[in-house]
Amino acid sequence: MTQPIPEAIRAERLTAALRRTSVLGEAHVSDVTVESSRDTILSRIIRVRLTYSAPTDDAPRSLIFKTCHPDRVGDVLHAGRQEVAFYDQIAPLMVTNIVPRCFEAYHDAETSAWHLLLEDLTETHAVPTQWPLPPTRQQCGAIVRAHARLHASWWDSPRLGVSVGTWLDPEAMDRQMQLVASDFQRFADRAGDLLSRERRRLYEQLLGSAPRLLQRYHSHRNFTITQGDAHVWNTFLPRDHQSDDARLFDWDSWRLDVASRDLAYMIAMHWYPDRRQAMERSLLDEYHETLVAHGIQGYDRHVLEADYRLSVLWQITTPVWQAVNNIPAVIWWNGLERIMLAVDDLDCRSLLT
């Protein structure tokens, strides 16, 4: 059975979108063929092949159409606003070629309908491994270097919090922490004895220490744009292993933060101790060396280490958020176990005293 073409990727709509981005001249899209369609937890991703009415050199032969998962339509929490805003406002300002090109970023505030028309990198790039298998050490190095290039390009930019992103003032942060506390209470009530007394106490200590720990955030120093959902499977690596042209995708969780937020999520949240302990330090070294190579000064390796440990500690709130927002247990439960092991290995509890 042939899958119907969504209205947003019918030939006339694509013609208009490609002309707006100056990649299509007098020719028009004459035919659209769905080559593949797959669902993630929150979105549907469709690859389409395009046929044009006349030869054209610059227009893409295929596109990636990303939109809301059918079961999440109308879900305000997963309405795609953040990712649409990123591709509409932030990606065009980037000097580094670190994200797929976007030909259209659309969001309807009334209906919460949204979609993206993205560059198709299928022929030149691929995700590093099949989830949940971790990448090789070489692949991991390419991924942390990509994050370092991204972070360096926005490091302490005067545009942060002015024309790019928003700082949360102390009152707004207090409100956010109240939501975190509310989420934790719901999570703890549901978890029952799955959450030990010791772990409950750790969460309570973190929430109680939040005003002091958040001083790092309110300093706004050594800050950048972070991807947020920075697991390794949100990276396209080049099929040419001699190339360093990695691309980062899935930007629905981006924000202004310390760069180590992405590193802690990628490494401590997703890797079990054996692999993490074997690669963690050398990857942080490689990340820091790449920052320095891209002009970042005054951010010593030991400061990165301190930021990383604090970011690991804050990551214990991630499985809580995932659980109360109906992310499958196979994700949040395993993440909870891994991040707790990282907290112990890195002595993050000492940050609470």
C-alpha atoms as a PDB file:
ATOM      1  CA  MET A   1       0.000   0.000   0.000  1.00  0.00           C
ATOM      2  CA  THR A   2       1.414   3.394  -1.057  1.00  0.00           C
ATOM      3  CA  GLN A   3       1.814   5.850   1.807  1.00  0.00           C
ATOM      4  CA  PRO A   4       0.006   9.162   1.186  1.00  0.00           C
ATOM      5  CA  ILE A   5       2.181  12.233   0.752  1.00  0.00           C
ATOM      6  CA  PRO A   6       1.721  14.722   3.639  1.00  0.00           C
ATOM      7  CA  GLU A   7       0.420  18.087   2.483  1.00  0.00           C
ATOM      8  CA  ALA A   8       3.631  19.858   3.552  1.00  0.00           C
ATOM      9  CA  ILE A   9       5.744  17.830   1.120  1.00  0.00           C
ATOM     10  CA  ARG A  10       3.535  17.882  -1.939  1.00  0.00           C
ATOM     11  CA  ALA A  11       5.278  19.102  -5.077  1.00  0.00           C
ATOM     12  CA  GLU A  12       3.914  22.657  -5.080  1.00  0.00           C
ATOM     13  CA  ARG A  13       4.753  23.202  -1.391  1.00  0.00           C
ATOM     14  CA  LEU A  14       8.302  21.946  -1.857  1.00  0.00           C
ATOM     15  CA  THR A  15       8.751  24.117  -4.929  1.00  0.00           C
ATOM     16  CA  ALA A  16       7.834  27.201  -2.901  1.00  0.00           C
ATOM     17  CA  ALA A  17      10.089  26.226   0.024  1.00  0.00           C
ATOM     18  CA  LEU A  18      13.119  25.574  -2.179  1.00  0.00           C
ATOM     19  CA  ARG A  19      12.630  28.849  -4.041  1.00  0.00           C
ATOM     20  CA  ARG A  20      12.499  30.750  -0.751  1.00  0.00           C
ATOM     21  CA  THR A  21      15.913  29.334   0.126  1.00  0.00           C
ATOM     22  CA  SER A  22      17.298  30.220  -3.323  1.00  0.00           C
ATOM     23  CA  VAL A  23      18.223  26.685  -4.362  1.00  0.00           C
ATOM     24  CA  LEU A  24      15.605  26.399  -7.087  1.00  0.00           C
ATOM     25  CA  GLY A  25      15.174  28.702 -10.047  1.00  0.00           C
ATOM     26  CA  GLU A  26      12.632  28.437 -12.835  1.00  0.00           C
ATOM     27  CA  ALA A  27      12.221  24.679 -12.601  1.00  0.00           C
ATOM     28  CA  HIS A  28       9.654  23.189 -10.243  1.00  0.00           C
ATOM     29  CA  VAL A  29       9.244  19.962  -8.311  1.00  0.00           C
ATOM     30  CA  SER A  30       7.245  17.690 -10.595  1.00  0.00           C
ATOM     31  CA  ASP A  31       7.114  14.525  -8.503  1.00  0.00           C
ATOM     32  CA  VAL A  32       7.669  13.455  -4.892  1.00  0.00           C
ATOM     33  CA  THR A  33       8.314   9.846  -3.880  1.00  0.00           C
ATOM     34  CA  VAL A  34       8.415   8.592  -0.302  1.00  0.00           C
ATOM     35  CA  GLU A  35      11.502   6.394  -0.010  1.00  0.00           C
ATOM     36  CA  SER A  36      11.283   5.597   3.708  1.00  0.00           C
ATOM     37  CA  SER A  37       9.336   6.510   6.831  1.00  0.00           C
ATOM     38  CA  ARG A  38      10.141   5.755  10.443  1.00  0.00           C
ATOM     39  CA  ASP A  39       8.917   6.838  13.837  1.00  0.00           C
ATOM     40  CA  THR A  40      11.007   7.866  16.812  1.00  0.00           C
ATOM     41  CA  ILE A  41       9.575   8.303  20.291  1.00  0.00           C
ATOM     42  CA  LEU A  42       8.513  11.882  19.591  1.00  0.00           C
ATOM     43  CA  SER A  43       8.627  12.390  15.817  1.00  0.00           C
ATOM     44  CA  ARG A  44       8.062  10.921  12.367  1.00  0.00           C
ATOM     45  CA  ILE A  45      10.888  11.122   9.841  1.00  0.00           C
ATOM     46  CA  ILE A  46      10.203  10.691   6.122  1.00  0.00           C
ATOM     47  CA  ARG A  47      12.810  10.605   3.352  1.00  0.00           C
ATOM     48  CA  VAL A  48      11.518  11.802  -0.006  1.00  0.00           C
ATOM     49  CA  ARG A  49      13.010  11.697  -3.490  1.00  0.00           C
ATOM     50  CA  LEU A  50      12.363  14.728  -5.727  1.00  0.00           C
ATOM     51  CA  THR A  51      11.986  14.960  -9.479  1.00  0.00           C
ATOM     52  CA  TYR A  52      12.230  18.343 -11.221  1.00  0.00           C
ATOM     53  CA  SER A  53      10.626  19.661 -14.387  1.00  0.00           C
ATOM     54  CA  ALA A  54      14.016  20.636 -15.800  1.00  0.00           C
ATOM     55  CA  PRO A  55      17.691  19.968 -14.995  1.00  0.00           C
ATOM     56  CA  THR A  56      18.940  21.879 -11.954  1.00  0.00           C
ATOM     57  CA  ASP A  57      22.373  21.893 -10.333  1.00  0.00           C
ATOM     58  CA  ASP A  58      21.757  23.254  -6.841  1.00  0.00           C
ATOM     59  CA  ALA A  59      18.400  21.824  -5.845  1.00  0.00           C
ATOM     60  CA  PRO A  60      18.482  18.771  -3.556  1.00  0.00           C
ATOM     61  CA  ARG A  61      17.587  15.371  -5.037  1.00  0.00           C
ATOM     62  CA  SER A  62      16.120  14.216  -1.732  1.00  0.00           C
ATOM     63  CA  LEU A  63      14.994  15.712   1.574  1.00  0.00           C
ATOM     64  CA  ILE A  64      14.247  14.677   5.132  1.00  0.00           C
ATOM     65  CA  PHE A  65      10.802  15.686   6.388  1.00  0.00           C
ATOM     66  CA  LYS A  66      10.539  15.663  10.171  1.00  0.00           C
ATOM     67  CA  THR A  67       7.244  16.223  11.964  1.00  0.00           C
ATOM     68  CA  CYS A  68       5.356  15.278  15.102  1.00  0.00           C
ATOM     69  CA  HIS A  69       4.767  11.624  15.938  1.00  0.00           C
ATOM     70  CA  PRO A  70       1.090  10.880  15.152  1.00  0.00           C
ATOM     71  CA  ASP A  71       0.454   9.878  18.769  1.00  0.00           C
ATOM     72  CA  ARG A  72       1.911  13.181  20.026  1.00  0.00           C
ATOM     73  CA  VAL A  73      -0.185  15.540  17.885  1.00  0.00           C
ATOM     74  CA  GLY A  74      -1.455  18.369  20.082  1.00  0.00           C
ATOM     75  CA  ASP A  75       0.988  17.487  22.858  1.00  0.00           C
ATOM     76  CA  VAL A  76       2.218  20.947  23.843  1.00  0.00           C
ATOM     77  CA  LEU A  77       5.278  19.545  25.602  1.00  0.00           C
ATOM     78  CA  HIS A  78       6.514  17.919  22.397  1.00  0.00           C
ATOM     79  CA  ALA A  79       5.298  20.543  19.948  1.00  0.00           C
ATOM     80  CA  GLY A  80       8.644  21.004  18.194  1.00  0.00           C
ATOM     81  CA  ARG A  81       8.810  24.724  19.029  1.00  0.00           C
ATOM     82  CA  GLN A  82      12.389  24.568  20.274  1.00  0.00           C
ATOM     83  CA  GLU A  83      13.759  22.750  17.265  1.00  0.00           C
ATOM     84  CA  VAL A  84      11.871  24.923  14.786  1.00  0.00           C
ATOM     85  CA  ALA A  85      13.197  28.022  16.580  1.00  0.00           C
ATOM     86  CA  PHE A  86      16.722  26.628  16.433  1.00  0.00           C
ATOM     87  CA  TYR A  87      16.675  26.030  12.678  1.00  0.00           C
ATOM     88  CA  ASP A  88      14.818  29.274  12.013  1.00  0.00           C
ATOM     89  CA  GLN A  89      16.874  31.602  14.200  1.00  0.00           C
ATOM     90  CA  ILE A  90      20.130  29.995  15.327  1.00  0.00           C
ATOM     91  CA  ALA A  91      21.345  27.657  12.578  1.00  0.00           C
ATOM     92  CA  PRO A  92      21.558  30.461   9.948  1.00  0.00           C
ATOM     93  CA  LEU A  93      23.978  32.332  12.241  1.00  0.00           C
ATOM     94  CA  MET A  94      26.382  29.433  12.619  1.00  0.00           C
ATOM     95  CA  VAL A  95      29.789  29.859  11.065  1.00  0.00           C
ATOM     96  CA  THR A  96      30.652  26.180  11.414  1.00  0.00           C
ATOM     97  CA  ASN A  97      29.073  23.528   9.194  1.00  0.00           C
ATOM     98  CA  ILE A  98      27.858  21.470  12.135  1.00  0.00           C
ATOM     99  CA  VAL A  99      24.126  20.915  11.517  1.00  0.00           C
ATOM    100  CA  PRO A 100      22.128  19.733   8.496  1.00  0.00           C
ATOM    101  CA  ARG A 101      20.900  22.521   6.262  1.00  0.00           C
ATOM    102  CA  CYS A 102      17.266  23.439   6.822  1.00  0.00           C
ATOM    103  CA  PHE A 103      15.045  24.454   3.898  1.00  0.00           C
ATOM    104  CA  GLU A 104      11.912  25.129   5.939  1.00  0.00           C
ATOM    105  CA  ALA A 105      11.110  25.320   9.664  1.00  0.00           C
ATOM    106  CA  TYR A 106       7.400  25.623  10.401  1.00  0.00           C
ATOM    107  CA  HIS A 107       5.390  25.803  13.612  1.00  0.00           C
ATOM    108  CA  ASP A 108       1.712  26.710  14.087  1.00  0.00           C
ATOM    109  CA  ALA A 109       1.150  28.197  17.536  1.00  0.00           C
ATOM    110  CA  GLU A 110      -2.578  27.489  17.462  1.00  0.00           C
ATOM    111  CA  THR A 111      -2.555  23.847  16.397  1.00  0.00           C
ATOM    112  CA  SER A 112       1.001  22.956  17.524  1.00  0.00           C
ATOM    113  CA  ALA A 113       1.573  21.472  14.065  1.00  0.00           C
ATOM    114  CA  TRP A 114       5.223  21.638  13.050  1.00  0.00           C
ATOM    115  CA  HIS A 115       7.680  20.293  10.540  1.00  0.00           C
ATOM    116  CA  LEU A 116      11.217  20.646   9.246  1.00  0.00           C
ATOM    117  CA  LEU A 117      12.587  20.161   5.746  1.00  0.00           C
ATOM    118  CA  LEU A 118      16.196  19.127   6.219  1.00  0.00           C
ATOM    119  CA  GLU A 119      19.195  18.278   4.092  1.00  0.00           C
ATOM    120  CA  ASP A 120      19.372  14.555   3.384  1.00  0.00           C
ATOM    121  CA  LEU A 121      22.819  13.281   4.401  1.00  0.00           C
ATOM    122  CA  THR A 122      22.059   9.607   3.811  1.00  0.00           C
ATOM    123  CA  GLU A 123      24.562   9.209   0.970  1.00  0.00           C
ATOM    124  CA  THR A 124      27.485  10.849   2.766  1.00  0.00           C
ATOM    125  CA  HIS A 125      26.823  10.285   6.494  1.00  0.00           C
ATOM    126  CA  ALA A 126      25.417   7.722   8.916  1.00  0.00           C
ATOM    127  CA  VAL A 127      24.673   7.419  12.624  1.00  0.00           C
ATOM    128  CA  PRO A 128      27.637   5.759  14.365  1.00  0.00           C
ATOM    129  CA  THR A 129      25.938   2.565  15.574  1.00  0.00           C
ATOM    130  CA  GLN A 130      22.565   0.981  16.112  1.00  0.00           C
ATOM    131  CA  TRP A 131      21.070   2.036  19.454  1.00  0.00           C
ATOM    132  CA  PRO A 132      21.974   1.154  22.187  1.00  0.00           C
ATOM    133  CA  LEU A 133      25.449  -0.029  21.127  1.00  0.00           C
ATOM    134  CA  PRO A 134      28.181   2.537  21.866  1.00  0.00           C
ATOM    135  CA  PRO A 135      30.462   3.797  19.081  1.00  0.00           C
ATOM    136  CA  THR A 136      34.141   2.948  18.702  1.00  0.00           C
ATOM    137  CA  ARG A 137      36.764   5.103  20.388  1.00  0.00           C
ATOM    138  CA  GLN A 138      37.565   6.723  17.032  1.00  0.00           C
ATOM    139  CA  GLN A 139      33.903   7.567  16.460  1.00  0.00           C
ATOM    140  CA  CYS A 140      33.576   8.946  19.990  1.00  0.00           C
ATOM    141  CA  GLY A 141      36.533  11.232  19.348  1.00  0.00           C
ATOM    142  CA  ALA A 142      34.875  12.580  16.200  1.00  0.00           C
ATOM    143  CA  ILE A 143      31.669  13.226  18.147  1.00  0.00           C
ATOM    144  CA  VAL A 144      33.279  15.112  21.039  1.00  0.00           C
ATOM    145  CA  ARG A 145      35.316  17.169  18.554  1.00  0.00           C
ATOM    146  CA  ALA A 146      32.075  18.113  16.796  1.00  0.00           C
ATOM    147  CA  HIS A 147      30.582  19.260  20.088  1.00  0.00           C
ATOM    148  CA  ALA A 148      33.757  21.189  20.881  1.00  0.00           C
ATOM    149  CA  ARG A 149      33.556  23.010  17.528  1.00  0.00           C
ATOM    150  CA  LEU A 150      29.909  23.839  18.158  1.00  0.00           C
ATOM    151  CA  HIS A 151      30.566  25.051  21.692  1.00  0.00           C
ATOM    152  CA  ALA A 152      33.636  27.054  20.714  1.00  0.00           C
ATOM    153  CA  SER A 153      31.711  28.907  18.001  1.00  0.00           C
ATOM    154  CA  TRP A 154      29.280  30.285  20.607  1.00  0.00           C
ATOM    155  CA  TRP A 155      31.567  30.418  23.650  1.00  0.00           C
ATOM    156  CA  ASP A 156      30.685  33.485  25.752  1.00  0.00           C
ATOM    157  CA  SER A 157      29.258  35.176  22.666  1.00  0.00           C
ATOM    158  CA  PRO A 158      27.790  38.618  23.458  1.00  0.00           C
ATOM    159  CA  ARG A 159      24.663  37.477  21.620  1.00  0.00           C
ATOM    160  CA  LEU A 160      23.881  34.824  24.240  1.00  0.00           C
ATOM    161  CA  GLY A 161      20.806  35.835  26.208  1.00  0.00           C
ATOM    162  CA  VAL A 162      20.367  38.938  24.017  1.00  0.00           C
ATOM    163  CA  SER A 163      19.495  37.845  20.473  1.00  0.00           C
ATOM    164  CA  VAL A 164      20.240  34.147  20.950  1.00  0.00           C
ATOM    165  CA  GLY A 165      18.514  32.162  23.675  1.00  0.00           C
ATOM    166  CA  THR A 166      17.317  33.366  27.066  1.00  0.00           C
ATOM    167  CA  TRP A 167      18.892  33.485  30.511  1.00  0.00           C
ATOM    168  CA  LEU A 168      16.723  32.348  33.382  1.00  0.00           C
ATOM    169  CA  ASP A 169      16.873  34.934  36.138  1.00  0.00           C
ATOM    170  CA  PRO A 170      16.862  33.704  39.768  1.00  0.00           C
ATOM    171  CA  GLU A 171      13.072  33.953  40.045  1.00  0.00           C
ATOM    172  CA  ALA A 172      12.514  32.021  36.807  1.00  0.00           C
ATOM    173  CA  MET A 173      15.053  29.424  37.891  1.00  0.00           C
ATOM    174  CA  ASP A 174      13.267  29.070  41.234  1.00  0.00           C
ATOM    175  CA  ARG A 175      10.043  28.348  39.365  1.00  0.00           C
ATOM    176  CA  GLN A 176      11.797  25.786  37.236  1.00  0.00           C
ATOM    177  CA  MET A 177      13.255  24.085  40.300  1.00  0.00           C
ATOM    178  CA  GLN A 178       9.762  23.930  41.793  1.00  0.00           C
ATOM    179  CA  LEU A 179       8.695  22.011  38.688  1.00  0.00           C
ATOM    180  CA  VAL A 180      11.679  19.708  39.105  1.00  0.00           C
ATOM    181  CA  ALA A 181      10.682  19.094  42.727  1.00  0.00           C
ATOM    182  CA  SER A 182       7.087  18.407  41.686  1.00  0.00           C
ATOM    183  CA  ASP A 183       8.269  15.987  38.991  1.00  0.00           C
ATOM    184  CA  PHE A 184      10.453  14.209  41.522  1.00  0.00           C
ATOM    185  CA  GLN A 185       7.566  13.766  43.931  1.00  0.00           C
ATOM    186  CA  ARG A 186       5.415  12.244  41.185  1.00  0.00           C
ATOM    187  CA  PHE A 187       8.308  10.052  40.109  1.00  0.00           C
ATOM    188  CA  ALA A 188       9.037   8.860  43.653  1.00  0.00           C
ATOM    189  CA  ASP A 189       5.370   8.088  44.291  1.00  0.00           C
ATOM    190  CA  ARG A 190       5.177   5.976  41.136  1.00  0.00           C
ATOM    191  CA  ALA A 191       8.542   4.281  41.633  1.00  0.00           C
ATOM    192  CA  GLY A 192       7.791   3.004  45.121  1.00  0.00           C
ATOM    193  CA  ASP A 193      10.544   0.676  46.281  1.00  0.00           C
ATOM    194  CA  LEU A 194      12.257   0.864  42.886  1.00  0.00           C
ATOM    195  CA  LEU A 195      13.807   4.024  44.301  1.00  0.00           C
ATOM    196  CA  SER A 196      15.867   3.258  47.390  1.00  0.00           C
ATOM    197  CA  ARG A 197      15.879   5.420  50.491  1.00  0.00           C
ATOM    198  CA  GLU A 198      19.484   6.388  49.770  1.00  0.00           C
ATOM    199  CA  ARG A 199      18.606   7.601  46.272  1.00  0.00           C
ATOM    200  CA  ARG A 200      15.586   9.519  47.523  1.00  0.00           C
ATOM    201  CA  ARG A 201      17.903  11.230  49.961  1.00  0.00           C
ATOM    202  CA  LEU A 202      20.291  12.137  47.143  1.00  0.00           C
ATOM    203  CA  TYR A 203      17.494  13.846  45.217  1.00  0.00           C
ATOM    204  CA  GLU A 204      16.372  15.679  48.332  1.00  0.00           C
ATOM    205  CA  GLN A 205      19.927  16.878  48.957  1.00  0.00           C
ATOM    206  CA  LEU A 206      20.270  18.052  45.353  1.00  0.00           C
ATOM    207  CA  LEU A 207      17.033  20.027  45.527  1.00  0.00           C
ATOM    208  CA  GLY A 208      18.053  21.496  48.882  1.00  0.00           C
ATOM    209  CA  SER A 209      21.479  22.502  47.544  1.00  0.00           C
ATOM    210  CA  ALA A 210      20.107  23.914  44.282  1.00  0.00           C
ATOM    211  CA  PRO A 211      20.397  27.629  45.187  1.00  0.00           C
ATOM    212  CA  ARG A 212      24.117  27.213  45.885  1.00  0.00           C
ATOM    213  CA  LEU A 213      24.835  24.901  42.937  1.00  0.00           C
ATOM    214  CA  LEU A 214      22.968  27.187  40.540  1.00  0.00           C
ATOM    215  CA  GLN A 215      25.414  29.994  41.228  1.00  0.00           C
ATOM    216  CA  ARG A 216      27.468  28.379  38.462  1.00  0.00           C
ATOM    217  CA  TYR A 217      24.582  28.950  36.039  1.00  0.00           C
ATOM    218  CA  HIS A 218      23.965  32.515  37.154  1.00  0.00           C
ATOM    219  CA  SER A 219      27.630  33.423  36.579  1.00  0.00           C
ATOM    220  CA  HIS A 220      26.993  33.203  32.788  1.00  0.00           C
ATOM    221  CA  ARG A 221      30.732  32.624  32.359  1.00  0.00           C
ATOM    222  CA  ASN A 222      32.181  30.023  30.008  1.00  0.00           C
ATOM    223  CA  PHE A 223      28.724  29.382  28.588  1.00  0.00           C
ATOM    224  CA  THR A 224      27.612  28.390  25.128  1.00  0.00           C
ATOM    225  CA  ILE A 225      24.753  26.841  23.142  1.00  0.00           C
ATOM    226  CA  THR A 226      24.251  23.207  24.113  1.00  0.00           C
ATOM    227  CA  GLN A 227      22.403  20.576  22.106  1.00  0.00           C
ATOM    228  CA  GLY A 228      20.721  19.068  25.156  1.00  0.00           C
ATOM    229  CA  ASP A 229      19.747  15.669  23.755  1.00  0.00           C
ATOM    230  CA  ALA A 230      23.392  15.009  22.954  1.00  0.00           C
ATOM    231  CA  HIS A 231      23.532  11.230  22.852  1.00  0.00           C
ATOM    232  CA  VAL A 232      25.809   9.747  20.212  1.00  0.00           C
ATOM    233  CA  TRP A 233      22.923   8.579  17.997  1.00  0.00           C
ATOM    234  CA  ASN A 234      22.014  12.225  17.378  1.00  0.00           C
ATOM    235  CA  THR A 235      25.179  12.571  15.318  1.00  0.00           C
ATOM    236  CA  PHE A 236      25.786  11.890  11.642  1.00  0.00           C
ATOM    237  CA  LEU A 237      29.377  10.811  11.025  1.00  0.00           C
ATOM    238  CA  PRO A 238      30.882  10.980   7.524  1.00  0.00           C
ATOM    239  CA  ARG A 239      31.156   7.715   5.635  1.00  0.00           C
ATOM    240  CA  ASP A 240      34.586   8.948   4.539  1.00  0.00           C
ATOM    241  CA  HIS A 241      36.601   8.068   7.639  1.00  0.00           C
ATOM    242  CA  GLN A 242      39.268  10.615   6.695  1.00  0.00           C
ATOM    243  CA  SER A 243      36.737  13.429   7.029  1.00  0.00           C
ATOM    244  CA  ASP A 244      35.911  15.244  10.280  1.00  0.00           C
ATOM    245  CA  ASP A 245      32.602  16.579   8.921  1.00  0.00           C
ATOM    246  CA  ALA A 246      30.317  15.313  11.704  1.00  0.00           C
ATOM    247  CA  ARG A 247      26.836  16.848  11.922  1.00  0.00           C
ATOM    248  CA  LEU A 248      24.661  17.164  15.024  1.00  0.00           C
ATOM    249  CA  PHE A 249      20.891  16.810  14.733  1.00  0.00           C
ATOM    250  CA  ASP A 250      17.792  16.822  16.961  1.00  0.00           C
ATOM    251  CA  TRP A 251      17.774  20.270  18.565  1.00  0.00           C
ATOM    252  CA  ASP A 252      14.509  20.259  20.492  1.00  0.00           C
ATOM    253  CA  SER A 253      16.371  20.501  23.828  1.00  0.00           C
ATOM    254  CA  TRP A 254      18.937  23.197  23.018  1.00  0.00           C
ATOM    255  CA  ARG A 255      19.583  25.984  25.492  1.00  0.00           C
ATOM    256  CA  LEU A 256      22.278  28.239  26.946  1.00  0.00           C
ATOM    257  CA  ASP A 257      24.345  26.283  29.453  1.00  0.00           C
ATOM    258  CA  VAL A 258      27.773  25.033  30.416  1.00  0.00           C
ATOM    259  CA  ALA A 259      29.245  22.903  27.654  1.00  0.00           C
ATOM    260  CA  SER A 260      29.730  19.949  29.989  1.00  0.00           C
ATOM    261  CA  ARG A 261      25.960  19.457  30.007  1.00  0.00           C
ATOM    262  CA  ASP A 262      26.279  17.804  26.589  1.00  0.00           C
ATOM    263  CA  LEU A 263      29.303  15.746  27.608  1.00  0.00           C
ATOM    264  CA  ALA A 264      27.700  14.446  30.798  1.00  0.00           C
ATOM    265  CA  TYR A 265      24.547  13.465  28.943  1.00  0.00           C
ATOM    266  CA  MET A 266      26.479  11.739  26.186  1.00  0.00           C
ATOM    267  CA  ILE A 267      28.954   9.852  28.384  1.00  0.00           C
ATOM    268  CA  ALA A 268      27.735   9.488  31.972  1.00  0.00           C
ATOM    269  CA  MET A 269      24.055   9.072  31.164  1.00  0.00           C
ATOM    270  CA  HIS A 270      24.521   6.484  28.415  1.00  0.00           C
ATOM    271  CA  TRP A 271      27.606   4.394  29.175  1.00  0.00           C
ATOM    272  CA  TYR A 272      28.087   1.647  31.711  1.00  0.00           C
ATOM    273  CA  PRO A 273      31.127   1.880  34.023  1.00  0.00           C
ATOM    274  CA  ASP A 274      33.561  -0.348  32.129  1.00  0.00           C
ATOM    275  CA  ARG A 275      33.374   1.677  28.914  1.00  0.00           C
ATOM    276  CA  ARG A 276      32.968   5.027  30.619  1.00  0.00           C
ATOM    277  CA  GLN A 277      35.981   4.531  32.853  1.00  0.00           C
ATOM    278  CA  ALA A 278      38.102   3.390  29.895  1.00  0.00           C
ATOM    279  CA  MET A 279      37.272   6.393  27.694  1.00  0.00           C
ATOM    280  CA  GLU A 280      35.867   9.235  29.806  1.00  0.00           C
ATOM    281  CA  ARG A 281      39.099  11.011  30.739  1.00  0.00           C
ATOM    282  CA  SER A 282      40.725  10.759  27.328  1.00  0.00           C
ATOM    283  CA  LEU A 283      37.573  12.053  25.631  1.00  0.00           C
ATOM    284  CA  LEU A 284      37.429  15.023  27.986  1.00  0.00           C
ATOM    285  CA  ASP A 285      41.104  15.655  27.175  1.00  0.00           C
ATOM    286  CA  GLU A 286      40.365  15.529  23.446  1.00  0.00           C
ATOM    287  CA  TYR A 287      37.351  17.806  23.864  1.00  0.00           C
ATOM    288  CA  HIS A 288      39.427  20.363  25.795  1.00  0.00           C
ATOM    289  CA  GLU A 289      42.253  20.247  23.258  1.00  0.00           C
ATOM    290  CA  THR A 290      39.754  20.961  20.480  1.00  0.00           C
ATOM    291  CA  LEU A 291      38.353  23.938  22.409  1.00  0.00           C
ATOM    292  CA  VAL A 292      41.843  25.373  22.758  1.00  0.00           C
ATOM    293  CA  ALA A 293      42.585  24.728  19.084  1.00  0.00           C
ATOM    294  CA  HIS A 294      39.496  26.795  18.229  1.00  0.00           C
ATOM    295  CA  GLY A 295      40.612  29.767  20.275  1.00  0.00           C
ATOM    296  CA  ILE A 296      39.028  29.231  23.701  1.00  0.00           C
ATOM    297  CA  GLN A 297      41.300  30.599  26.407  1.00  0.00           C
ATOM    298  CA  GLY A 298      40.994  30.872  30.175  1.00  0.00           C
ATOM    299  CA  TYR A 299      39.065  27.618  30.553  1.00  0.00           C
ATOM    300  CA  ASP A 300      41.504  25.188  32.119  1.00  0.00           C
ATOM    301  CA  ARG A 301      41.197  21.435  31.954  1.00  0.00           C
ATOM    302  CA  HIS A 302      40.555  21.236  35.713  1.00  0.00           C
ATOM    303  CA  VAL A 303      37.671  23.719  35.337  1.00  0.00           C
ATOM    304  CA  LEU A 304      36.170  21.459  32.681  1.00  0.00           C
ATOM    305  CA  GLU A 305      36.516  18.562  35.125  1.00  0.00           C
ATOM    306  CA  ALA A 306      34.667  20.507  37.823  1.00  0.00           C
ATOM    307  CA  ASP A 307      31.906  21.520  35.414  1.00  0.00           C
ATOM    308  CA  TYR A 308      31.622  17.944  34.180  1.00  0.00           C
ATOM    309  CA  ARG A 309      31.158  16.504  37.674  1.00  0.00           C
ATOM    310  CA  LEU A 310      28.484  19.088  38.454  1.00  0.00           C
ATOM    311  CA  SER A 311      26.731  18.346  35.160  1.00  0.00           C
ATOM    312  CA  VAL A 312      26.789  14.623  35.955  1.00  0.00           C
ATOM    313  CA  LEU A 313      25.141  15.344  39.295  1.00  0.00           C
ATOM    314  CA  TRP A 314      22.383  17.414  37.670  1.00  0.00           C
ATOM    315  CA  GLN A 315      21.785  14.609  35.151  1.00  0.00           C
ATOM    316  CA  ILE A 316      20.077  12.520  37.828  1.00  0.00           C
ATOM    317  CA  THR A 317      17.033  14.721  37.158  1.00  0.00           C
ATOM    318  CA  THR A 318      16.874  13.566  33.518  1.00  0.00           C
ATOM    319  CA  PRO A 319      15.377  10.095  34.154  1.00  0.00           C
ATOM    320  CA  VAL A 320      12.825  11.767  36.433  1.00  0.00           C
ATOM    321  CA  TRP A 321      11.708  14.109  33.656  1.00  0.00           C
ATOM    322  CA  GLN A 322      11.639  11.249  31.166  1.00  0.00           C
ATOM    323  CA  ALA A 323       9.539   9.017  33.398  1.00  0.00           C
ATOM    324  CA  VAL A 324       6.886  11.606  34.244  1.00  0.00           C
ATOM    325  CA  ASN A 325       6.642  12.573  30.561  1.00  0.00           C
ATOM    326  CA  ASN A 326       5.952   8.994  29.461  1.00  0.00           C
ATOM    327  CA  ILE A 327       9.290   8.272  27.843  1.00  0.00           C
ATOM    328  CA  PRO A 328       9.546   4.440  27.737  1.00  0.00           C
ATOM    329  CA  ALA A 329      10.962   2.772  30.835  1.00  0.00           C
ATOM    330  CA  VAL A 330      13.658   1.041  28.776  1.00  0.00           C
ATOM    331  CA  ILE A 331      15.204   4.499  28.402  1.00  0.00           C
ATOM    332  CA  TRP A 332      14.695   6.152  31.782  1.00  0.00           C
ATOM    333  CA  TRP A 333      15.291   3.079  33.941  1.00  0.00           C
ATOM    334  CA  ASN A 334      18.620   2.188  32.337  1.00  0.00           C
ATOM    335  CA  GLY A 335      19.603   5.845  32.324  1.00  0.00           C
ATOM    336  CA  LEU A 336      18.851   6.090  36.032  1.00  0.00           C
ATOM    337  CA  GLU A 337      21.103   3.144  36.836  1.00  0.00           C
ATOM    338  CA  ARG A 338      23.968   4.404  34.679  1.00  0.00           C
ATOM    339  CA  ILE A 339      23.908   7.967  35.962  1.00  0.00           C
ATOM    340  CA  MET A 340      23.821   6.822  39.579  1.00  0.00           C
ATOM    341  CA  LEU A 341      26.912   4.698  38.953  1.00  0.00           C
ATOM    342  CA  ALA A 342      28.653   7.707  37.399  1.00  0.00           C
ATOM    343  CA  VAL A 343      27.714   9.900  40.379  1.00  0.00           C
ATOM    344  CA  ASP A 344      29.382   7.396  42.698  1.00  0.00           C
ATOM    345  CA  ASP A 345      32.465   6.888  40.505  1.00  0.00           C
ATOM    346  CA  LEU A 346      33.092  10.632  40.195  1.00  0.00           C
ATOM    347  CA  ASP A 347      32.305  11.363  43.866  1.00  0.00           C
ATOM    348  CA  CYS A 348      29.619  13.845  42.841  1.00  0.00           C
ATOM    349  CA  ARG A 349      27.910  13.514  46.227  1.00  0.00           C
ATOM    350  CA  SER A 350      30.729  15.542  47.742  1.00  0.00           C
ATOM    351  CA  LEU A 351      29.451  18.548  45.764  1.00  0.00           C
ATOM    352  CA  LEU A 352      26.400  18.557  48.037  1.00  0.00           C
ATOM    353  CA  THR A 353      28.358  19.199  51.218  1.00  0.00           C
END
